[in-house]
N, C-alpha and C. Protein backbone atom coordinates (compact mmCIF):
# COMPACT_ATOMS: atom_id res chain seq x y z
N MET A 1 41.59 -77.89 83.42
CA MET A 1 41.64 -79.01 83.97
C MET A 1 41.59 -79.98 83.14
N ALA A 2 42.73 -80.85 82.95
CA ALA A 2 42.13 -81.86 81.61
C ALA A 2 40.95 -82.90 81.99
N GLY A 3 39.74 -83.38 81.21
CA GLY A 3 38.77 -84.02 81.82
C GLY A 3 38.10 -83.55 82.11
N GLN A 4 37.75 -82.57 83.29
CA GLN A 4 37.12 -81.69 83.70
C GLN A 4 35.41 -81.64 83.14
N THR A 5 34.76 -82.28 83.49
CA THR A 5 32.91 -81.22 82.88
C THR A 5 32.94 -79.96 83.14
N VAL A 6 32.82 -79.37 81.98
CA VAL A 6 32.23 -78.39 82.19
C VAL A 6 31.42 -77.57 81.66
N THR A 7 30.60 -76.92 82.50
CA THR A 7 28.96 -76.46 82.51
C THR A 7 28.90 -75.25 81.57
N LYS A 8 28.06 -75.49 80.33
CA LYS A 8 27.81 -74.27 79.68
C LYS A 8 26.47 -73.68 80.51
N ILE A 9 26.87 -71.99 80.42
CA ILE A 9 25.73 -71.21 81.02
C ILE A 9 25.48 -70.44 80.12
N VAL A 10 24.04 -69.75 80.03
CA VAL A 10 22.99 -68.76 79.58
C VAL A 10 23.13 -67.96 80.50
N VAL A 11 23.51 -66.39 80.45
CA VAL A 11 22.99 -65.33 81.80
C VAL A 11 22.32 -64.27 80.98
N ALA A 12 20.35 -64.73 81.06
CA ALA A 12 19.76 -64.09 80.68
C ALA A 12 19.03 -62.73 81.48
N ASP A 13 19.57 -61.64 81.58
CA ASP A 13 19.12 -60.57 82.67
C ASP A 13 19.16 -59.24 82.38
N ASP A 14 18.30 -58.09 81.93
CA ASP A 14 18.16 -56.95 81.36
C ASP A 14 19.46 -55.99 82.05
N HIS A 15 19.23 -56.35 82.93
CA HIS A 15 20.41 -55.35 83.72
C HIS A 15 22.13 -55.92 83.74
N PRO A 16 22.85 -54.95 82.66
CA PRO A 16 24.31 -55.82 82.38
C PRO A 16 25.08 -55.51 83.82
N ILE A 17 24.84 -54.99 84.91
CA ILE A 17 25.98 -54.94 85.68
C ILE A 17 24.99 -56.54 86.82
N VAL A 18 24.13 -56.87 86.56
CA VAL A 18 23.69 -58.11 86.96
C VAL A 18 24.85 -59.69 86.54
N ARG A 19 24.49 -58.98 84.92
CA ARG A 19 25.16 -59.85 84.55
C ARG A 19 26.38 -60.45 84.69
N ALA A 20 27.33 -59.21 84.14
CA ALA A 20 28.42 -58.64 84.27
C ALA A 20 29.01 -59.65 85.66
N GLY A 21 28.25 -59.37 86.79
CA GLY A 21 28.50 -59.72 88.24
C GLY A 21 28.97 -61.55 88.42
N VAL A 22 27.30 -62.11 87.87
CA VAL A 22 27.48 -63.57 87.87
C VAL A 22 28.38 -63.72 86.84
N ARG A 23 28.35 -63.17 85.62
CA ARG A 23 30.15 -63.70 84.70
C ARG A 23 31.12 -64.08 85.55
N ASN A 24 31.54 -62.74 86.39
CA ASN A 24 32.92 -62.93 86.40
C ASN A 24 32.84 -63.64 87.93
N MET A 25 31.68 -64.50 88.58
CA MET A 25 31.41 -65.10 89.69
C MET A 25 31.50 -66.33 89.13
N LEU A 26 31.23 -67.08 87.77
CA LEU A 26 31.13 -67.89 87.48
C LEU A 26 32.49 -68.29 87.37
N LEU A 27 33.00 -67.27 86.30
CA LEU A 27 34.60 -67.49 85.91
C LEU A 27 35.71 -67.58 86.68
N SER A 28 35.21 -67.19 87.50
CA SER A 28 35.90 -67.43 88.80
C SER A 28 36.45 -68.87 89.39
N GLN A 29 35.81 -69.94 88.73
CA GLN A 29 35.77 -70.97 89.17
C GLN A 29 35.81 -72.20 88.44
N PRO A 30 36.29 -73.15 88.46
CA PRO A 30 36.42 -74.20 87.23
C PRO A 30 35.83 -75.02 87.23
N GLY A 31 35.09 -75.04 85.90
CA GLY A 31 34.32 -76.28 85.53
C GLY A 31 32.98 -75.27 85.24
N PHE A 32 33.10 -73.93 84.88
CA PHE A 32 31.87 -73.19 84.38
C PHE A 32 32.77 -72.50 83.48
N VAL A 33 31.56 -72.09 82.20
CA VAL A 33 32.02 -71.42 81.12
C VAL A 33 30.48 -70.76 81.00
N VAL A 34 30.82 -69.15 80.45
CA VAL A 34 29.43 -68.13 80.28
C VAL A 34 29.67 -68.57 78.63
N VAL A 35 28.56 -68.74 78.12
CA VAL A 35 28.82 -69.10 76.30
C VAL A 35 27.84 -67.95 76.02
N GLY A 36 26.72 -67.74 76.73
CA GLY A 36 26.09 -66.54 76.17
C GLY A 36 25.48 -65.61 76.91
N GLU A 37 24.79 -64.49 76.42
CA GLU A 37 24.40 -63.36 77.60
C GLU A 37 22.88 -63.12 76.93
N ALA A 38 22.18 -62.42 77.58
CA ALA A 38 21.04 -61.82 76.98
C ALA A 38 20.38 -61.02 77.79
N ALA A 39 19.91 -59.90 77.14
CA ALA A 39 18.86 -58.54 78.12
C ALA A 39 17.25 -58.91 78.17
N ASP A 40 16.78 -59.74 77.39
CA ASP A 40 15.34 -60.22 77.14
C ASP A 40 15.17 -61.63 76.83
N GLY A 41 13.93 -61.96 77.03
CA GLY A 41 13.55 -63.13 76.61
C GLY A 41 14.14 -63.54 75.25
N ARG A 42 13.61 -62.89 74.09
CA ARG A 42 13.85 -63.07 72.93
C ARG A 42 15.67 -63.52 72.48
N GLN A 43 16.46 -62.67 72.74
CA GLN A 43 17.52 -62.72 72.93
C GLN A 43 17.79 -64.29 73.48
N ALA A 44 17.47 -64.37 74.73
CA ALA A 44 17.82 -65.70 75.73
C ALA A 44 17.58 -67.08 74.88
N LEU A 45 16.62 -67.06 74.55
CA LEU A 45 15.72 -68.38 73.43
C LEU A 45 16.71 -68.49 71.93
N ASP A 46 17.20 -66.97 71.70
CA ASP A 46 18.29 -67.19 70.58
C ASP A 46 19.42 -67.92 70.84
N GLU A 47 20.56 -67.40 72.26
CA GLU A 47 21.10 -68.05 72.82
C GLU A 47 21.34 -68.97 73.23
N ILE A 48 20.08 -69.91 73.49
CA ILE A 48 19.91 -71.15 74.25
C ILE A 48 20.09 -72.02 72.74
N GLN A 49 19.41 -71.51 71.71
CA GLN A 49 19.74 -72.55 70.49
C GLN A 49 20.61 -72.12 69.71
N LYS A 50 21.56 -71.51 69.80
CA LYS A 50 23.03 -71.33 69.50
C LYS A 50 24.12 -72.01 70.46
N HIS A 51 23.70 -71.85 71.24
CA HIS A 51 24.85 -72.55 72.06
C HIS A 51 24.50 -73.88 72.67
N LYS A 52 23.01 -74.04 72.88
CA LYS A 52 22.90 -75.54 73.45
C LYS A 52 23.72 -75.63 74.86
N PRO A 53 23.91 -74.83 75.66
CA PRO A 53 24.01 -74.72 76.84
C PRO A 53 23.34 -75.47 78.11
N ASP A 54 23.84 -75.80 79.05
CA ASP A 54 23.20 -76.93 80.35
C ASP A 54 22.92 -76.50 81.20
N ILE A 55 23.00 -74.93 81.49
CA ILE A 55 22.45 -74.04 82.31
C ILE A 55 21.48 -72.32 82.06
N LEU A 56 20.47 -72.38 81.61
CA LEU A 56 19.95 -70.81 82.14
C LEU A 56 19.88 -70.61 82.85
N LEU A 57 20.71 -69.25 83.73
CA LEU A 57 19.97 -68.48 84.48
C LEU A 57 19.26 -67.06 83.90
N LEU A 58 17.65 -67.29 84.50
CA LEU A 58 17.03 -66.55 83.50
C LEU A 58 15.95 -65.48 84.87
N ASP A 59 16.31 -64.54 84.52
CA ASP A 59 15.54 -63.33 85.10
C ASP A 59 14.20 -63.25 84.67
N LEU A 60 13.17 -63.03 85.59
CA LEU A 60 11.41 -63.31 85.80
C LEU A 60 11.27 -62.30 85.60
N ASN A 61 11.79 -61.02 85.41
CA ASN A 61 11.07 -59.82 84.87
C ASN A 61 12.51 -59.11 83.97
N MET A 62 11.84 -59.58 82.70
CA MET A 62 12.56 -59.00 81.77
C MET A 62 11.97 -58.76 80.71
N PRO A 63 12.52 -56.84 79.57
CA PRO A 63 11.36 -56.91 78.15
C PRO A 63 10.97 -57.77 77.25
N ASN A 64 10.52 -57.54 76.18
CA ASN A 64 9.42 -58.20 75.51
C ASN A 64 9.61 -59.70 75.44
N LEU A 65 10.07 -60.36 76.95
CA LEU A 65 9.60 -61.94 76.53
C LEU A 65 9.63 -61.78 78.12
N PRO A 66 9.05 -61.96 79.25
CA PRO A 66 9.38 -62.27 80.47
C PRO A 66 9.87 -63.36 80.97
N GLY A 67 10.33 -63.78 82.06
CA GLY A 67 11.16 -65.19 82.18
C GLY A 67 10.01 -66.07 81.99
N LEU A 68 8.34 -65.94 83.07
CA LEU A 68 7.54 -67.12 82.39
C LEU A 68 7.49 -67.63 81.25
N GLU A 69 7.10 -66.61 80.10
CA GLU A 69 7.06 -66.71 78.41
C GLU A 69 8.00 -67.25 78.22
N THR A 70 9.38 -67.07 78.69
CA THR A 70 10.56 -67.66 77.72
C THR A 70 10.50 -68.92 78.17
N LEU A 71 10.24 -69.20 79.53
CA LEU A 71 10.33 -71.06 79.97
C LEU A 71 8.80 -71.91 79.47
N ARG A 72 7.96 -70.77 79.01
CA ARG A 72 6.87 -71.78 77.95
C ARG A 72 7.15 -72.00 77.18
N GLU A 73 8.36 -71.32 75.87
CA GLU A 73 8.33 -71.16 74.84
C GLU A 73 10.01 -72.48 75.13
N LEU A 74 10.54 -72.50 76.00
CA LEU A 74 11.65 -73.40 75.97
C LEU A 74 10.36 -75.03 76.20
N THR A 75 9.90 -75.19 76.94
CA THR A 75 9.26 -76.22 77.16
C THR A 75 8.58 -76.61 75.86
N ALA A 76 7.76 -75.98 75.44
CA ALA A 76 7.54 -76.21 73.88
C ALA A 76 8.43 -76.75 73.00
N GLN A 77 9.46 -76.09 72.90
CA GLN A 77 10.83 -76.73 72.43
C GLN A 77 10.90 -77.80 72.60
N ALA A 78 11.08 -78.14 73.95
CA ALA A 78 11.44 -79.65 74.68
C ALA A 78 13.06 -79.32 74.94
N SER A 79 13.60 -78.19 75.20
CA SER A 79 15.48 -77.97 75.10
C SER A 79 15.23 -79.15 76.30
N ALA A 80 16.91 -79.12 76.15
CA ALA A 80 17.49 -79.80 77.23
C ALA A 80 18.26 -79.04 78.09
N THR A 81 18.28 -77.75 78.12
CA THR A 81 18.37 -76.46 79.02
C THR A 81 18.18 -76.67 80.43
N LYS A 82 18.29 -76.94 81.15
CA LYS A 82 17.65 -76.53 82.53
C LYS A 82 17.72 -75.55 83.11
N THR A 83 16.80 -74.89 83.55
CA THR A 83 16.71 -73.55 83.40
C THR A 83 16.50 -73.14 84.86
N ILE A 84 17.53 -72.02 86.02
CA ILE A 84 17.23 -71.85 87.52
C ILE A 84 16.89 -70.18 87.04
N VAL A 85 15.40 -69.63 87.42
CA VAL A 85 15.15 -68.84 88.31
C VAL A 85 16.19 -68.01 88.76
N LEU A 86 16.39 -66.83 88.41
CA LEU A 86 16.60 -65.89 89.23
C LEU A 86 16.35 -64.31 89.63
N THR A 87 15.49 -63.81 90.41
CA THR A 87 14.59 -62.91 90.62
C THR A 87 14.97 -62.62 92.12
N ALA A 88 14.70 -60.92 92.27
CA ALA A 88 14.78 -60.30 93.28
C ALA A 88 13.56 -60.74 94.08
N THR A 89 12.96 -60.56 93.47
CA THR A 89 11.44 -61.41 94.31
C THR A 89 10.13 -62.07 93.71
N ILE A 90 9.84 -63.56 94.15
CA ILE A 90 8.89 -63.64 93.52
C ILE A 90 7.57 -63.95 94.49
N GLU A 91 6.26 -64.39 94.16
CA GLU A 91 5.15 -64.84 94.54
C GLU A 91 4.81 -66.25 94.81
N LYS A 92 4.32 -67.18 95.26
CA LYS A 92 4.03 -68.48 95.46
C LYS A 92 3.56 -68.54 93.79
N ARG A 93 2.68 -68.09 93.60
CA ARG A 93 1.92 -68.33 92.38
C ARG A 93 2.81 -68.47 91.19
N GLN A 94 4.16 -67.45 91.25
CA GLN A 94 5.12 -67.43 90.41
C GLN A 94 5.59 -68.69 90.70
N VAL A 95 6.12 -69.01 91.64
CA VAL A 95 7.18 -70.38 91.99
C VAL A 95 6.28 -71.48 91.25
N LEU A 96 5.37 -71.55 91.37
CA LEU A 96 4.41 -73.08 91.12
C LEU A 96 4.50 -72.75 89.45
N GLU A 97 3.84 -71.54 89.18
CA GLU A 97 3.94 -71.90 87.65
C GLU A 97 5.53 -72.11 86.90
N ALA A 98 6.56 -71.47 87.34
CA ALA A 98 7.89 -71.66 86.91
C ALA A 98 8.55 -73.17 87.29
N LEU A 99 7.88 -73.63 87.95
CA LEU A 99 8.45 -75.25 88.49
C LEU A 99 7.06 -75.89 87.45
N GLN A 100 6.06 -75.69 87.13
CA GLN A 100 5.17 -76.56 86.61
C GLN A 100 5.65 -75.88 84.63
N LEU A 101 6.31 -75.15 84.38
CA LEU A 101 6.65 -74.85 83.32
C LEU A 101 8.54 -75.39 83.33
N GLY A 102 8.70 -76.57 84.05
CA GLY A 102 10.30 -76.75 83.82
C GLY A 102 11.17 -76.48 84.80
N ALA A 103 11.40 -75.41 85.57
CA ALA A 103 12.33 -74.67 86.06
C ALA A 103 12.79 -75.55 86.61
N ARG A 104 14.58 -75.65 87.23
CA ARG A 104 14.44 -76.81 88.03
C ARG A 104 15.36 -75.89 89.79
N GLY A 105 15.23 -74.79 89.30
CA GLY A 105 15.29 -74.01 90.38
C GLY A 105 15.00 -72.50 90.93
N ILE A 106 14.46 -72.30 91.88
CA ILE A 106 14.42 -70.81 92.28
C ILE A 106 15.83 -70.22 92.51
N LEU A 107 16.47 -68.92 92.92
CA LEU A 107 17.12 -68.08 93.50
C LEU A 107 17.04 -66.51 93.56
N LEU A 108 16.73 -66.67 94.69
CA LEU A 108 16.57 -65.26 94.75
C LEU A 108 18.13 -64.47 94.46
N LYS A 109 18.18 -63.32 94.02
CA LYS A 109 19.18 -62.07 93.54
C LYS A 109 20.01 -62.14 94.86
N SER A 110 19.40 -62.08 95.81
CA SER A 110 19.74 -61.28 97.58
C SER A 110 20.99 -62.54 97.84
N ALA A 111 20.62 -63.69 97.37
CA ALA A 111 21.65 -65.30 97.55
C ALA A 111 22.26 -65.65 96.89
N VAL A 112 22.55 -64.91 95.35
CA VAL A 112 23.39 -65.08 94.88
C VAL A 112 24.34 -65.77 95.22
N ALA A 113 25.01 -64.52 95.95
CA ALA A 113 26.85 -64.98 96.33
C ALA A 113 27.23 -65.56 97.23
N GLY A 114 26.08 -66.30 97.96
CA GLY A 114 26.26 -67.22 98.59
C GLY A 114 25.99 -68.81 98.19
N ASP A 115 24.63 -68.79 96.89
CA ASP A 115 24.19 -69.82 96.76
C ASP A 115 24.31 -70.27 94.88
N LEU A 116 24.76 -69.30 94.52
CA LEU A 116 24.53 -69.53 92.93
C LEU A 116 25.69 -71.14 92.70
N LEU A 117 26.47 -70.67 93.25
CA LEU A 117 27.48 -72.14 92.61
C LEU A 117 27.07 -73.16 93.11
N GLU A 118 26.35 -73.60 94.23
CA GLU A 118 26.00 -74.73 94.71
C GLU A 118 24.30 -75.06 94.01
N CYS A 119 23.54 -73.49 93.21
CA CYS A 119 22.57 -74.28 92.97
C CYS A 119 22.74 -74.58 91.42
N ILE A 120 23.21 -74.10 91.09
CA ILE A 120 23.86 -74.82 89.44
C ILE A 120 24.68 -76.13 89.62
N ARG A 121 25.22 -76.55 91.02
CA ARG A 121 25.62 -78.12 90.51
C ARG A 121 24.38 -79.27 91.21
N THR A 122 24.22 -78.05 92.01
CA THR A 122 22.53 -79.55 92.42
C THR A 122 21.69 -79.31 90.74
N VAL A 123 21.43 -78.54 90.38
CA VAL A 123 20.07 -78.54 89.30
C VAL A 123 21.39 -79.43 88.06
N SER A 124 22.60 -79.31 88.16
CA SER A 124 23.10 -79.78 86.53
C SER A 124 23.46 -81.67 87.05
N ALA A 125 23.01 -81.51 88.69
CA ALA A 125 22.76 -82.99 89.03
C ALA A 125 21.71 -83.68 88.51
N GLY A 126 20.98 -82.49 88.30
CA GLY A 126 19.37 -83.33 88.17
C GLY A 126 18.83 -83.15 89.36
N GLN A 127 18.95 -82.90 90.14
CA GLN A 127 17.89 -82.10 91.39
C GLN A 127 17.53 -80.82 91.18
N PHE A 128 16.55 -80.39 92.06
CA PHE A 128 15.85 -78.90 92.20
C PHE A 128 16.07 -78.12 93.69
N TRP A 129 16.27 -76.78 93.09
CA TRP A 129 16.92 -76.25 94.64
C TRP A 129 15.80 -75.02 94.66
N MET A 130 15.18 -74.73 95.89
CA MET A 130 14.52 -74.14 96.11
C MET A 130 14.43 -73.15 97.72
N GLN A 131 14.39 -71.94 98.36
CA GLN A 131 14.58 -71.56 99.42
C GLN A 131 15.95 -72.01 99.99
N GLY A 132 16.95 -71.93 98.97
CA GLY A 132 17.93 -71.78 99.75
C GLY A 132 19.07 -73.17 99.79
N LYS A 133 18.43 -74.09 99.25
CA LYS A 133 18.75 -75.56 99.72
C LYS A 133 18.26 -75.97 98.51
N PRO A 134 18.81 -77.66 97.98
CA PRO A 134 18.28 -78.56 97.18
C PRO A 134 16.81 -79.08 97.83
N VAL A 135 16.42 -79.66 96.66
CA VAL A 135 14.77 -80.40 96.89
C VAL A 135 14.58 -81.05 96.61
N ILE A 136 14.64 -82.51 97.94
CA ILE A 136 14.50 -83.99 97.89
C ILE A 136 12.83 -84.40 97.37
N ASN A 137 11.94 -83.80 97.62
CA ASN A 137 10.80 -84.53 96.87
C ASN A 137 10.17 -83.32 96.21
N ILE A 138 10.28 -83.06 95.05
CA ILE A 138 9.68 -81.84 94.22
C ILE A 138 8.15 -81.79 93.75
N VAL A 139 7.82 -83.35 93.91
CA VAL A 139 5.83 -83.69 94.15
C VAL A 139 5.33 -83.02 94.96
N GLN A 140 6.05 -83.34 96.55
CA GLN A 140 5.70 -83.09 97.49
C GLN A 140 5.84 -80.86 97.72
N VAL A 141 6.36 -80.70 97.16
CA VAL A 141 6.99 -78.94 96.97
C VAL A 141 5.43 -78.65 96.03
N LEU A 142 5.48 -79.47 95.00
CA LEU A 142 4.33 -78.73 94.13
C LEU A 142 2.49 -79.20 94.37
N LYS A 143 2.27 -80.17 95.68
CA LYS A 143 1.53 -80.47 96.02
C LYS A 143 1.17 -79.20 97.38
N ASP A 144 2.07 -78.83 98.14
CA ASP A 144 2.20 -78.08 98.72
C ASP A 144 1.56 -76.56 98.42
N LEU A 145 2.40 -76.46 97.08
CA LEU A 145 1.96 -75.25 96.79
C LEU A 145 0.58 -74.99 96.35
N MET A 146 0.03 -75.69 95.72
CA MET A 146 -0.82 -76.51 95.05
C MET A 146 -1.99 -75.98 96.26
N ASN A 147 -1.83 -76.52 97.32
CA ASN A 147 -2.66 -76.40 98.71
C ASN A 147 -3.02 -75.28 98.91
N GLU A 148 -1.70 -74.20 99.18
CA GLU A 148 -1.35 -73.34 99.43
C GLU A 148 -2.33 -71.85 98.83
N MET A 149 -2.55 -71.85 97.53
CA MET A 149 -2.73 -71.28 96.40
C MET A 149 -4.46 -71.67 96.43
N ALA A 150 -4.89 -72.47 97.03
CA ALA A 150 -6.23 -73.12 96.96
C ALA A 150 -7.17 -72.46 98.32
N GLN A 151 -6.39 -72.16 98.90
CA GLN A 151 -7.02 -71.49 99.98
C GLN A 151 -7.36 -70.09 99.85
N PRO A 152 -8.55 -69.90 100.18
CA PRO A 152 -8.92 -67.79 100.69
C PRO A 152 -7.95 -67.27 100.86
N PRO A 153 -7.26 -66.09 100.53
CA PRO A 153 -6.78 -64.99 100.81
C PRO A 153 -7.31 -64.90 102.06
N LYS A 154 -6.65 -64.57 103.42
CA LYS A 154 -7.38 -64.26 104.56
C LYS A 154 -7.87 -62.66 104.40
N LYS A 155 -9.12 -61.85 104.50
CA LYS A 155 -9.43 -61.15 105.07
C LYS A 155 -8.78 -60.04 106.43
N THR A 156 -8.02 -58.91 105.89
CA THR A 156 -7.63 -58.16 107.24
C THR A 156 -8.52 -57.16 107.26
N PHE A 157 -9.18 -56.51 106.62
CA PHE A 157 -9.91 -55.25 107.30
C PHE A 157 -9.14 -54.12 106.83
N GLY A 158 -8.39 -54.33 106.07
CA GLY A 158 -6.69 -52.98 106.16
C GLY A 158 -6.39 -52.74 107.01
N LEU A 159 -5.86 -54.12 108.08
CA LEU A 159 -4.90 -53.80 108.69
C LEU A 159 -3.45 -53.95 108.44
N THR A 160 -2.72 -53.11 108.99
CA THR A 160 -1.55 -53.12 108.56
C THR A 160 -0.71 -54.28 109.59
N ALA A 161 0.42 -54.90 108.95
CA ALA A 161 0.84 -56.25 109.99
C ALA A 161 1.42 -55.94 111.32
N ARG A 162 1.64 -54.48 111.43
CA ARG A 162 1.92 -53.83 112.72
C ARG A 162 0.57 -54.15 113.92
N GLU A 163 -0.43 -53.84 112.95
CA GLU A 163 -1.96 -53.35 113.32
C GLU A 163 -2.36 -55.17 113.52
N LEU A 164 -1.90 -56.10 112.64
CA LEU A 164 -2.96 -57.52 113.35
C LEU A 164 -1.81 -58.31 114.35
N GLN A 165 -0.54 -57.66 114.38
CA GLN A 165 0.47 -57.95 115.79
C GLN A 165 -0.62 -57.47 117.03
N VAL A 166 -0.84 -56.42 116.57
CA VAL A 166 -1.45 -55.64 117.99
C VAL A 166 -2.92 -56.45 118.28
N VAL A 167 -3.54 -56.98 117.58
CA VAL A 167 -4.30 -57.70 117.63
C VAL A 167 -4.38 -58.66 118.21
N GLY A 168 -3.49 -59.25 118.19
CA GLY A 168 -3.33 -60.82 118.65
C GLY A 168 -2.59 -60.64 120.17
N LEU A 169 -2.17 -59.97 120.01
CA LEU A 169 -1.49 -59.57 121.57
C LEU A 169 -2.60 -59.13 122.31
N ILE A 170 -4.03 -58.26 121.77
CA ILE A 170 -4.86 -58.22 122.54
C ILE A 170 -5.80 -59.13 122.73
N ALA A 171 -5.72 -60.37 121.85
CA ALA A 171 -6.88 -60.95 122.19
C ALA A 171 -5.99 -62.29 122.96
N GLN A 172 -4.96 -62.17 123.03
CA GLN A 172 -3.72 -63.27 124.25
C GLN A 172 -4.09 -62.21 125.82
N GLY A 173 -5.23 -60.76 125.89
CA GLY A 173 -5.05 -60.44 126.78
C GLY A 173 -4.11 -59.48 127.65
N CYS A 174 -3.04 -59.02 126.79
CA CYS A 174 -2.15 -58.03 126.92
C CYS A 174 -2.41 -56.64 127.10
N THR A 175 -2.14 -56.34 127.85
CA THR A 175 -2.00 -54.32 128.57
C THR A 175 -1.25 -53.51 127.43
N ASN A 176 -1.76 -52.32 127.71
CA ASN A 176 -1.20 -51.86 126.63
C ASN A 176 0.28 -51.88 126.57
N LYS A 177 1.10 -51.77 128.12
CA LYS A 177 1.96 -51.51 128.38
C LYS A 177 2.83 -53.12 128.05
N ASP A 178 2.20 -54.04 128.03
CA ASP A 178 2.62 -55.34 127.81
C ASP A 178 2.55 -55.47 125.87
N ILE A 179 2.10 -55.00 125.58
CA ILE A 179 2.05 -54.42 123.92
C ILE A 179 3.34 -53.61 123.52
N SER A 180 3.35 -52.72 124.33
CA SER A 180 4.62 -51.83 123.95
C SER A 180 5.35 -52.45 124.57
N SER A 181 5.82 -53.26 125.07
CA SER A 181 7.25 -54.30 125.41
C SER A 181 7.70 -55.15 124.51
N GLU A 182 6.44 -55.80 124.01
CA GLU A 182 6.47 -56.86 123.40
C GLU A 182 6.91 -56.25 121.37
N CYS A 183 6.34 -55.16 121.32
CA CYS A 183 6.72 -54.65 120.00
C CYS A 183 7.71 -53.41 120.45
N GLY A 184 8.37 -53.25 121.03
CA GLY A 184 9.15 -52.15 120.93
C GLY A 184 8.56 -51.00 120.60
N ILE A 185 7.54 -50.37 121.17
CA ILE A 185 7.00 -49.48 120.83
C ILE A 185 6.66 -48.54 121.84
N SER A 186 6.47 -47.17 121.80
CA SER A 186 5.83 -46.74 122.90
C SER A 186 4.16 -46.69 123.57
N GLU A 187 3.71 -46.56 124.85
CA GLU A 187 2.38 -46.95 125.10
C GLU A 187 1.72 -45.78 124.11
N GLU A 188 2.04 -44.75 124.16
CA GLU A 188 1.13 -44.31 123.13
C GLU A 188 1.00 -44.12 121.60
N THR A 189 2.09 -44.92 121.27
CA THR A 189 1.97 -45.68 119.88
C THR A 189 0.96 -46.54 120.17
N VAL A 190 0.75 -47.52 120.96
CA VAL A 190 0.23 -48.71 121.02
C VAL A 190 -1.47 -47.75 121.06
N LYS A 191 -1.85 -46.96 122.04
CA LYS A 191 -2.88 -46.50 122.15
C LYS A 191 -3.22 -45.81 120.19
N ARG A 192 -2.41 -45.15 119.86
CA ARG A 192 -2.83 -44.87 118.25
C ARG A 192 -3.29 -45.86 117.44
N HIS A 193 -2.58 -47.08 117.64
CA HIS A 193 -2.69 -48.33 116.65
C HIS A 193 -4.14 -48.54 117.59
N LEU A 194 -4.07 -49.15 118.45
CA LEU A 194 -5.76 -49.29 119.06
C LEU A 194 -7.02 -48.18 118.35
N LYS A 195 -6.77 -46.65 118.32
CA LYS A 195 -7.93 -46.41 117.86
C LYS A 195 -8.13 -46.44 116.42
N ASN A 196 -6.93 -47.02 115.43
CA ASN A 196 -7.00 -47.21 114.08
C ASN A 196 -7.70 -48.37 113.85
N ILE A 197 -7.40 -49.79 114.99
CA ILE A 197 -7.82 -50.60 114.64
C ILE A 197 -9.29 -50.67 114.82
N PHE A 198 -9.72 -49.92 116.19
CA PHE A 198 -11.25 -49.99 116.11
C PHE A 198 -11.81 -49.34 115.32
N ASP A 199 -11.49 -48.44 114.38
CA ASP A 199 -11.80 -47.32 113.62
C ASP A 199 -12.42 -48.49 112.19
N LYS A 200 -11.04 -49.24 111.87
CA LYS A 200 -11.23 -50.14 111.05
C LYS A 200 -11.82 -50.94 110.94
N VAL A 201 -12.38 -52.09 112.08
CA VAL A 201 -13.37 -52.72 112.16
C VAL A 201 -14.62 -52.78 112.91
N GLY A 202 -14.35 -51.63 113.34
CA GLY A 202 -16.11 -51.00 114.14
C GLY A 202 -16.69 -51.42 114.88
N VAL A 203 -15.47 -51.48 116.24
CA VAL A 203 -15.65 -52.08 117.50
C VAL A 203 -15.06 -51.52 118.41
N SER A 204 -15.54 -50.54 119.86
CA SER A 204 -15.75 -49.90 120.63
C SER A 204 -14.99 -50.18 121.85
N SER A 205 -14.27 -51.68 122.17
CA SER A 205 -13.58 -52.37 123.48
C SER A 205 -12.73 -52.89 123.26
N ARG A 206 -11.97 -53.59 124.09
CA ARG A 206 -11.01 -54.61 123.35
C ARG A 206 -12.04 -56.15 123.55
N LEU A 207 -12.54 -56.66 124.52
CA LEU A 207 -13.36 -57.39 124.27
C LEU A 207 -14.01 -57.76 122.88
N GLU A 208 -14.57 -57.06 122.10
CA GLU A 208 -14.98 -56.66 121.44
C GLU A 208 -14.49 -56.92 119.78
N LEU A 209 -12.81 -56.23 120.01
CA LEU A 209 -12.14 -56.81 119.43
C LEU A 209 -11.37 -58.24 119.19
N ALA A 210 -11.49 -58.44 120.52
CA ALA A 210 -10.61 -60.05 120.73
C ALA A 210 -11.37 -61.18 119.96
N LEU A 211 -13.30 -60.95 120.53
CA LEU A 211 -13.77 -61.70 119.65
C LEU A 211 -14.31 -61.38 118.23
N PHE A 212 -14.19 -59.76 117.88
CA PHE A 212 -14.40 -60.24 116.38
C PHE A 212 -13.07 -60.56 115.81
N ALA A 213 -11.60 -60.50 116.30
CA ALA A 213 -10.69 -61.15 115.83
C ALA A 213 -10.62 -62.86 115.82
N LEU A 214 -11.08 -63.47 116.82
CA LEU A 214 -11.69 -64.62 116.38
C LEU A 214 -12.78 -65.13 115.56
N ASN A 215 -13.92 -64.62 115.55
CA ASN A 215 -14.81 -64.62 114.32
C ASN A 215 -14.39 -64.93 113.66
N HIS A 216 -13.40 -63.75 112.89
CA HIS A 216 -12.69 -63.71 111.59
C HIS A 216 -11.72 -64.35 111.12
N HIS A 217 -10.74 -64.92 112.04
CA HIS A 217 -9.75 -65.49 111.64
C HIS A 217 -8.82 -64.76 111.34
N LEU A 218 -8.46 -63.63 112.43
CA LEU A 218 -7.20 -62.65 112.37
C LEU A 218 -6.48 -63.60 113.64
N VAL A 219 -6.79 -64.53 114.61
CA VAL A 219 -5.96 -64.90 115.21
C VAL A 219 -6.63 -66.73 115.29
N GLU A 220 -5.62 -67.37 116.07
CA GLU A 220 -6.04 -68.47 116.28
C GLU A 220 -6.95 -68.11 117.36
N SER A 221 -7.62 -69.67 117.37
CA SER A 221 -9.21 -70.09 117.82
C SER A 221 -8.30 -70.50 119.47
N ASP A 222 -7.37 -70.84 119.99
CA ASP A 222 -6.94 -70.51 120.99
C ASP A 222 -6.42 -69.67 122.09
N ALA A 223 -5.89 -69.01 120.89
CA ALA A 223 -5.86 -67.00 121.46
C ALA A 223 -6.13 -66.42 122.92
N VAL A 224 -7.75 -67.10 122.54
CA VAL A 224 -8.87 -66.00 123.77
C VAL A 224 -8.85 -66.78 124.29
């Protein structure tokens, strides 16, 4: 359409099928043009130097030069290209580092079909995108992430997520039958979980377990 603003995009991902899927999705929409593709970070930098795109869709895990290192290079070059990190999974530490290195959006690959176009439009307009929506206050997001990173990881004594759930229910005074109903497992399975939990933390009764959980912050203080 005459007079329409066109957003130039480079897609960097080491999986050809992902690049093809993203490219086809973008080409089906007016106002977007894929000017380059890259299979690794080095190629991405070359494509950006060559095409000066508005947006870089950057996979976090790529050969030769990983996503975060590519971002670091772009920051050093003072590139005007806005980067959206595209990844299957991402840790809070990586989110914080990506934002500190200049990323404007974090988009999980599982959400590409529903969120990609809106994410690109949001970032193109100068905003940030995280957790499936535009971010109003990126400074607060960074502060929250840094505070969370500063907290020491909770020691779980080798307990699985299910076992921690059982510990929480024990601390609330639940019976095996209650736990069975709440977790959707048999009472025999509850008993096996309890045996494993007792062995791992070194207690021999439900009361000892509840007190142990409280003392080691495995449950909130008002749960007992």
